[in-house]
Structure formats: C-alpha cells, structure tokens
Protein backbone atom coordinates (compact mmCIF):
# COMPACT_ATOMS: atom_id res chain seq x y z
CA MET A 1 -55.61 -211.86 116.76
CA ALA A 2 -58.62 -209.67 116.00
CA VAL A 3 -62.38 -209.59 115.75
CA ALA A 4 -64.57 -207.28 113.73
CA ASP A 5 -66.83 -204.52 115.00
CA SER A 6 -69.04 -202.33 112.85
CA ASP A 7 -68.61 -198.59 112.46
CA SER A 8 -71.39 -196.03 111.93
CA SER A 9 -71.45 -196.87 108.20
CA GLY A 10 -71.86 -200.57 108.82
CA ASN A 11 -68.34 -201.43 107.68
CA ALA A 12 -66.32 -204.07 109.53
CA VAL A 13 -63.57 -202.62 111.69
CA PRO A 14 -60.96 -205.06 113.09
CA ARG A 15 -60.49 -204.94 116.83
CA ALA A 16 -57.40 -206.52 118.41
CA LEU A 17 -58.04 -209.14 121.07
CA TRP A 18 -54.59 -209.10 122.63
CA PRO A 19 -55.22 -206.18 125.05
CA GLY A 20 -58.23 -207.99 126.51
CA LEU A 21 -56.40 -211.30 126.64
CA ALA A 22 -53.45 -209.64 128.38
CA LEU A 23 -55.74 -207.98 130.94
CA ALA A 24 -57.58 -211.24 131.65
CA ALA A 25 -54.34 -213.19 132.05
CA LEU A 26 -52.67 -210.55 134.23
CA GLY A 27 -55.80 -210.28 136.37
CA ALA A 28 -55.91 -214.05 136.88
CA VAL A 29 -52.22 -214.19 137.80
CA ALA A 30 -52.56 -211.23 140.18
CA PHE A 31 -55.59 -212.80 141.90
CA SER A 32 -53.64 -216.03 142.26
CA GLY A 33 -50.74 -214.18 143.88
CA LYS A 34 -52.92 -213.52 146.92
CA ALA A 35 -52.41 -217.05 148.19
CA ILE A 36 -48.63 -216.74 147.84
CA ILE A 37 -48.58 -213.47 149.81
CA VAL A 38 -50.75 -214.94 152.57
CA LYS A 39 -48.49 -217.97 152.90
CA LEU A 40 -45.43 -215.67 153.09
CA ALA A 41 -47.11 -213.56 155.80
CA TYR A 42 -47.92 -216.64 157.88
CA ARG A 43 -44.18 -217.31 158.15
CA HIS A 44 -43.97 -214.21 160.37
CA GLY A 45 -46.39 -215.58 162.98
CA VAL A 46 -49.43 -213.44 162.13
CA ASP A 47 -52.95 -214.91 162.39
CA ALA A 48 -55.82 -214.82 159.89
CA VAL A 49 -57.85 -212.18 161.79
CA SER A 50 -54.97 -209.69 161.80
CA LEU A 51 -53.86 -210.47 158.27
CA ILE A 52 -57.25 -210.01 156.65
CA MET A 53 -57.82 -206.81 158.64
CA LEU A 54 -54.61 -205.28 157.27
CA ARG A 55 -55.46 -206.31 153.73
CA MET A 56 -58.96 -204.81 153.93
CA LEU A 57 -57.76 -201.68 155.74
CA PHE A 58 -55.43 -200.86 152.87
CA ALA A 59 -58.02 -201.83 150.24
CA LEU A 60 -60.93 -199.85 151.74
CA PRO A 61 -60.06 -196.39 150.32
CA LEU A 62 -59.55 -197.89 146.87
CA PHE A 63 -62.95 -199.60 146.78
CA ILE A 64 -64.75 -196.57 148.22
CA GLY A 65 -63.18 -194.56 145.40
CA LEU A 66 -64.29 -197.18 142.87
CA ALA A 67 -67.88 -197.12 144.18
CA TRP A 68 -67.94 -193.30 144.01
CA TRP A 69 -66.46 -193.21 140.50
CA ALA A 70 -68.81 -195.89 139.14
CA GLY A 71 -71.84 -194.28 140.81
CA ARG A 72 -71.40 -190.77 139.39
CA GLY A 73 -74.65 -189.52 137.90
CA LYS A 74 -76.50 -192.68 138.97
CA PRO A 75 -79.65 -192.73 141.14
CA PRO A 76 -79.08 -193.01 144.91
CA LEU A 77 -79.31 -196.43 146.53
CA SER A 78 -82.70 -197.63 147.69
CA ARG A 79 -83.22 -199.51 150.96
CA ARG A 80 -83.53 -202.71 148.93
CA ASP A 81 -80.18 -202.00 147.27
CA ALA A 82 -78.53 -201.33 150.63
CA VAL A 83 -79.78 -204.64 152.11
CA ALA A 84 -78.71 -206.55 149.00
CA ILE A 85 -75.26 -204.93 148.99
CA PHE A 86 -74.73 -205.80 152.66
CA GLY A 87 -75.73 -209.43 152.08
CA LEU A 88 -73.57 -209.76 148.98
CA GLY A 89 -70.63 -208.06 150.67
CA PHE A 90 -70.94 -210.38 153.66
CA SER A 91 -71.11 -213.55 151.56
CA GLY A 92 -68.96 -212.73 148.57
CA TYR A 93 -66.09 -210.80 150.10
CA TYR A 94 -66.11 -210.95 153.91
CA LEU A 95 -66.98 -214.57 154.70
CA SER A 96 -65.30 -216.04 151.63
CA SER A 97 -62.11 -214.03 152.24
CA PHE A 98 -61.90 -214.92 155.92
CA LEU A 99 -62.46 -218.64 155.33
CA ASP A 100 -59.89 -218.57 152.54
CA PHE A 101 -57.24 -216.87 154.69
CA ALA A 102 -57.93 -219.28 157.55
CA GLY A 103 -57.71 -222.32 155.27
CA LEU A 104 -54.38 -221.25 153.80
CA ALA A 105 -52.79 -221.83 157.20
CA TYR A 106 -53.28 -225.59 156.67
CA ILE A 107 -52.99 -226.33 152.93
CA SER A 108 -50.73 -225.42 150.05
CA ALA A 109 -51.39 -222.46 147.79
CA SER A 110 -51.78 -224.85 144.85
CA LEU A 111 -54.59 -226.87 146.45
CA GLU A 112 -56.28 -223.65 147.65
CA ARG A 113 -56.39 -222.25 144.12
CA LEU A 114 -57.75 -225.48 142.66
CA ILE A 115 -60.57 -225.56 145.22
CA LEU A 116 -61.48 -221.93 144.55
CA TYR A 117 -61.47 -222.65 140.83
CA LEU A 118 -64.44 -224.96 141.42
CA ASN A 119 -66.68 -221.87 141.68
CA PRO A 120 -68.43 -222.43 138.32
CA THR A 121 -69.29 -225.98 139.33
CA LEU A 122 -70.70 -224.81 142.66
CA VAL A 123 -72.81 -222.15 140.92
CA LEU A 124 -74.20 -224.87 138.65
CA LEU A 125 -74.97 -227.19 141.58
CA LEU A 126 -76.55 -224.46 143.70
CA GLY A 127 -78.62 -223.30 140.73
CA GLY A 128 -79.94 -226.81 140.31
CA LEU A 129 -80.69 -227.25 144.02
CA LEU A 130 -82.15 -223.82 144.81
CA PHE A 131 -83.77 -222.80 141.52
CA LYS A 132 -84.38 -226.20 139.91
CA ARG A 133 -82.24 -225.32 136.91
CA PRO A 134 -81.64 -228.41 134.77
CA VAL A 135 -78.22 -230.06 134.87
CA THR A 136 -77.30 -232.11 131.81
CA GLY A 137 -75.32 -235.32 131.64
CA ARG A 138 -72.43 -233.50 130.00
CA GLN A 139 -72.33 -231.00 132.83
CA VAL A 140 -72.28 -233.83 135.38
CA LEU A 141 -69.30 -235.32 133.53
CA ALA A 142 -67.49 -231.97 133.65
CA LEU A 143 -68.21 -231.72 137.38
CA ALA A 144 -66.87 -235.22 137.97
CA ILE A 145 -63.64 -234.45 136.10
CA SER A 146 -63.05 -231.24 138.11
CA TYR A 147 -63.69 -232.81 141.49
CA ALA A 148 -61.56 -235.83 140.62
CA GLY A 149 -58.65 -233.43 140.05
CA VAL A 150 -59.11 -231.78 143.44
CA LEU A 151 -59.41 -235.15 145.18
CA LEU A 152 -56.19 -236.28 143.51
CA VAL A 153 -54.20 -233.31 144.86
CA PHE A 154 -56.00 -233.50 148.21
CA GLY A 155 -55.08 -237.18 148.63
CA GLN A 156 -51.42 -236.48 148.03
CA GLU A 157 -51.38 -233.48 150.38
CA LEU A 158 -53.18 -235.45 153.10
CA HIS A 159 -50.48 -238.10 152.82
CA LEU A 160 -47.67 -235.52 153.05
CA GLN A 161 -49.01 -233.06 155.64
CA GLY A 162 -51.43 -234.98 157.84
CA PRO A 163 -55.01 -234.52 159.08
CA ASP A 164 -54.84 -230.71 159.38
CA VAL A 165 -55.29 -230.68 155.61
CA LEU A 166 -58.91 -231.77 156.17
CA LEU A 167 -59.61 -228.58 158.13
CA GLY A 168 -57.88 -226.43 155.53
CA VAL A 169 -59.82 -228.00 152.66
CA ALA A 170 -63.11 -227.56 154.55
CA LEU A 171 -62.39 -223.88 155.20
CA VAL A 172 -61.36 -223.11 151.61
CA PHE A 173 -64.29 -225.09 150.20
CA GLY A 174 -66.55 -223.03 152.47
CA SER A 175 -64.93 -219.94 150.97
CA ALA A 176 -65.68 -221.17 147.44
CA LEU A 177 -69.26 -221.99 148.43
CA SER A 178 -69.76 -218.55 149.96
CA TYR A 179 -68.46 -216.83 146.84
CA ALA A 180 -70.63 -219.08 144.64
CA CYS A 181 -73.66 -217.80 146.58
CA TYR A 182 -72.52 -214.26 145.82
CA LEU A 183 -72.27 -215.05 142.11
CA LEU A 184 -75.65 -216.78 142.11
CA PHE A 185 -77.56 -213.97 143.82
CA SER A 186 -75.73 -210.92 142.46
CA GLY A 187 -77.10 -211.04 138.91
CA GLN A 188 -80.08 -208.76 139.51
CA GLU A 189 -78.04 -206.19 141.43
CA VAL A 190 -75.39 -206.17 138.69
CA GLN A 191 -78.09 -205.23 136.19
CA ARG A 192 -79.42 -202.51 138.49
CA LEU A 193 -76.15 -200.96 139.70
CA GLY A 194 -73.49 -202.09 137.23
CA SER A 195 -70.65 -204.50 137.99
CA LEU A 196 -68.05 -201.92 139.03
CA ARG A 197 -70.37 -200.01 141.35
CA LEU A 198 -71.63 -203.20 142.97
CA THR A 199 -68.10 -204.53 143.40
CA GLY A 200 -66.94 -201.26 144.97
CA LEU A 201 -69.87 -201.09 147.37
CA ALA A 202 -69.96 -204.79 148.34
CA THR A 203 -66.20 -204.93 148.88
CA SER A 204 -66.31 -201.76 150.98
CA VAL A 205 -68.89 -203.46 153.21
CA ALA A 206 -66.60 -206.49 153.51
CA CYS A 207 -63.62 -204.28 154.37
CA LEU A 208 -65.56 -202.64 157.20
CA LEU A 209 -66.70 -206.04 158.50
CA CYS A 210 -63.14 -207.40 158.53
CA ILE A 211 -61.86 -204.31 160.34
CA ALA A 212 -64.71 -204.48 162.88
CA GLN A 213 -64.04 -208.19 163.42
CA PHE A 214 -60.44 -207.44 164.36
CA PHE A 215 -61.34 -204.80 166.95
CA ILE A 216 -63.95 -207.12 168.47
CA LEU A 217 -61.54 -210.05 168.76
CA ARG A 218 -58.20 -208.30 169.30
CA PRO A 219 -56.99 -205.28 171.33
CA ALA A 220 -56.66 -202.10 169.26
CA SER A 221 -53.04 -201.74 170.32
CA SER A 222 -52.12 -204.88 168.38
CA ALA A 223 -53.39 -203.60 165.03
CA PHE A 224 -49.92 -202.77 163.73
CA ALA A 225 -47.93 -204.82 166.25
CA VAL A 226 -46.72 -207.10 163.48
CA PRO A 227 -43.38 -207.35 161.65
CA ALA A 228 -42.79 -204.71 158.99
CA GLU A 229 -42.73 -207.45 156.35
CA VAL A 230 -46.37 -208.27 157.12
CA ILE A 231 -47.38 -204.62 156.59
CA TRP A 232 -45.69 -204.51 153.19
CA LEU A 233 -47.10 -207.88 152.17
CA SER A 234 -50.61 -206.75 153.18
CA LEU A 235 -50.24 -203.53 151.21
CA MET A 236 -49.18 -205.53 148.16
CA ASN A 237 -52.09 -207.93 148.72
CA ALA A 238 -54.60 -205.07 148.89
CA THR A 239 -53.37 -203.30 145.77
CA ALA A 240 -51.69 -205.71 143.37
CA CYS A 241 -53.68 -208.84 144.29
CA THR A 242 -57.10 -207.42 145.22
CA PHE A 243 -57.95 -204.04 143.72
CA ALA A 244 -55.91 -204.12 140.50
CA PRO A 245 -57.17 -207.56 139.37
CA VAL A 246 -60.79 -206.46 139.82
CA LEU A 247 -60.24 -203.62 137.37
CA MET A 248 -58.22 -205.75 134.94
CA VAL A 249 -60.81 -208.53 134.82
CA MET A 250 -63.69 -206.05 134.37
CA MET A 251 -61.86 -204.33 131.52
CA ALA A 252 -61.08 -207.71 129.97
CA ILE A 253 -64.76 -208.71 130.08
CA GLU A 254 -65.68 -205.46 128.31
CA ARG A 255 -63.21 -206.28 125.50
CA LEU A 256 -63.63 -210.06 125.25
CA GLY A 257 -66.95 -210.98 126.79
CA ALA A 258 -67.39 -213.05 129.94
CA SER A 259 -66.83 -216.46 128.30
CA LEU A 260 -63.46 -215.76 126.64
CA ALA A 261 -62.26 -213.78 129.67
CA ALA A 262 -63.11 -216.73 131.93
CA GLN A 263 -61.29 -219.18 129.67
CA THR A 264 -58.21 -216.94 129.65
CA GLY A 265 -58.40 -216.87 133.45
CA MET A 266 -57.50 -220.57 133.48
CA VAL A 267 -53.86 -219.45 133.68
CA GLY A 268 -54.56 -218.54 137.32
CA PRO A 269 -54.31 -221.99 138.93
CA MET A 270 -51.22 -222.89 136.92
CA SER A 271 -49.54 -219.62 137.88
CA THR A 272 -50.28 -220.33 141.55
CA ILE A 273 -48.64 -223.73 141.28
CA LEU A 274 -45.59 -222.21 139.58
CA MET A 275 -45.28 -219.41 142.16
CA GLY A 276 -45.79 -221.90 144.97
CA VAL A 277 -42.91 -224.00 143.71
CA VAL A 278 -40.54 -221.09 142.98
CA ILE A 279 -41.37 -218.72 145.88
CA LEU A 280 -42.66 -221.01 148.64
CA GLY A 281 -40.74 -224.17 147.82
CA GLU A 282 -43.94 -226.26 147.63
CA PRO A 283 -43.49 -229.71 146.06
CA PHE A 284 -44.41 -230.15 142.42
CA THR A 285 -45.30 -233.76 141.71
CA PRO A 286 -47.00 -235.62 138.86
CA TRP A 287 -50.09 -235.85 141.10
CA VAL A 288 -50.31 -232.06 141.40
CA LEU A 289 -49.90 -231.67 137.64
CA ALA A 290 -52.49 -234.34 136.85
CA GLY A 291 -54.98 -232.93 139.35
CA SER A 292 -54.55 -229.41 138.03
CA LEU A 293 -55.10 -230.51 134.44
CA LEU A 294 -58.25 -232.40 135.45
CA VAL A 295 -59.68 -229.35 137.23
CA LEU A 296 -58.91 -227.06 134.29
CA CYS A 297 -60.32 -229.58 131.81
CA GLY A 298 -63.53 -229.97 133.78
CA VAL A 299 -64.11 -226.23 134.12
CA TRP A 300 -63.32 -225.71 130.42
CA LEU A 301 -65.79 -228.42 129.42
CA LEU A 302 -68.42 -226.94 131.73
CA ALA A 303 -68.01 -223.51 130.11
CA LYS A 304 -68.13 -225.07 126.63
CA TRP A 305 -71.22 -227.21 127.25
CA ARG A 306 -73.21 -224.51 129.04
C-alpha cells in the first residue's frame, strides 16, 4: 500500500503506508496493554495510589528527556505556557490516569477500554456544550451506536459482577471525560509548542503530581514495600505501555495523518478483549463481542461523518 508525495521536480514519488500503519497498530495495542498490566498488579494486593506512583516514577525520566529533546532550539516557556501545561497535565494525564487505575479495580479490562474509546464522542459533546459547535443528526446517530455498545457490555458485567461495577464505570468514565477536556483545550498549546514537547511537559507534570500524591497519602517507607512482580509490571507499564506508544502514535500521525492513524487505532479495544481473555481469563461472550463492534462502528462513523 502506498501514497504519492512530490519531489523537488514535482514528480510523484510513492510512499509506503505500511510503516505508519504498523506504528499506529502497535501503539494502540501497547496502550491497551496498560489495563492488562494494572489488572495483573492488583492480584498482588497493591492499591491504585501506589501503583500509579510506581508507573509515573519510572516514566518521569523518559518524559523529561522527551520534553528536552523536543524543545531544543525552541523559545523558553512563558508564564501562560506554564499555567496551560500544568492544567493540561493535571486533567489529561494525572486525573484521568488516577481515575482509570482506580476504576480498573472494579471492572474488566475489556469494558474499561470500550469506555475510554468513547473519547471522540465526549470531545464532540463537550465542544457542542461549551463552544456551541453544531452537532449533526448523523453524529448523534454515531454517538447513540457507540453508547449502546458500552451499555450492552455494562449490563452483562453488572449481572455477572454486581453493583461494584457501577463505581468502576463511573471512575473510568470520569477518566475519559478528563482526557476529553485535555484534548479539547490542548489544541492551541499544540500549535505553540508542538505535540511532542507538550506531551513531554504535561506528562512530566502528571508524574510529579502522582508521586506527590503518594507521599501525602502514604508513608515514604512503603514506596517500594510491594512484591517484586509489581515493580516489574510497573516498569513495563511505564515503558512499553506509556512512553513507547506515545512515540509510536506520534510517528504514525506524521506518516499517515491523524484520521487514518485514529482509524488504525481501532485495533486497540479488540486487542484488550483478546488479552483479557488469554491473560486474565476474562469471559468472552456474544454480548462483549456485539458491544465492542457497536462501539467501534459508532466511533468509525463519527470519524467518517466529521
């Protein structure tokens, strides 16, 4: 598969799409693996505050390095930039990550990923509510299809696991809403700072907030008083499921554009379901399959009709 670019003489030069498609798919699968790792860590008795602290502690040097690398030769940050970065880091990476980790203690990895995949629909709804952006009838139909899929999986999980699922869904939905706010308000800063620099800086802020939260709520002596398996899982979460996917998705967007990269990222929810069944032993039922297909169909239609 290839597209055509133009060289300095104006001639068409074919450019292969497969490297970008591979990066987008691998990035989506790696992001989705985060939920699997968190569920595995919870089996060792660790709580959300400790788990997210370990993840962010290991990720912090990587994102500081990314911010430095992306900011080379760029103007220094203004006070306005610093305030915006703090707010975006709080909403997009600290609050959304903490709510997500907390919610995973109560719901399956499959349902968590489907809820988070509603981000484009939440951005559309918030844009309509806050900025009076028009929402068409087709977009409303796409929203209805996506939310019907989540409700289908939620109803089955509520039946199987009990009322705690309500709390888990509320926490993960809050995570998706928080990240949607980040996406909605980050556009201007992305243009000013660039996506990689903003991601590095905002995520570094979130890392520091998660680490500070732990030392406020827990004694310092308990920071590494967890099973060795939790340390290794957190290290894998920070590198393979947090930092590496950020780079892969950014490189995919450069090669494919945001729309095609996002469509390729639809493999993420399905990979979470597959890993949940194989690694965690989560049930795979026709209801889960039908709900997943509805969510993916709704998001695909929303991207197409926008």
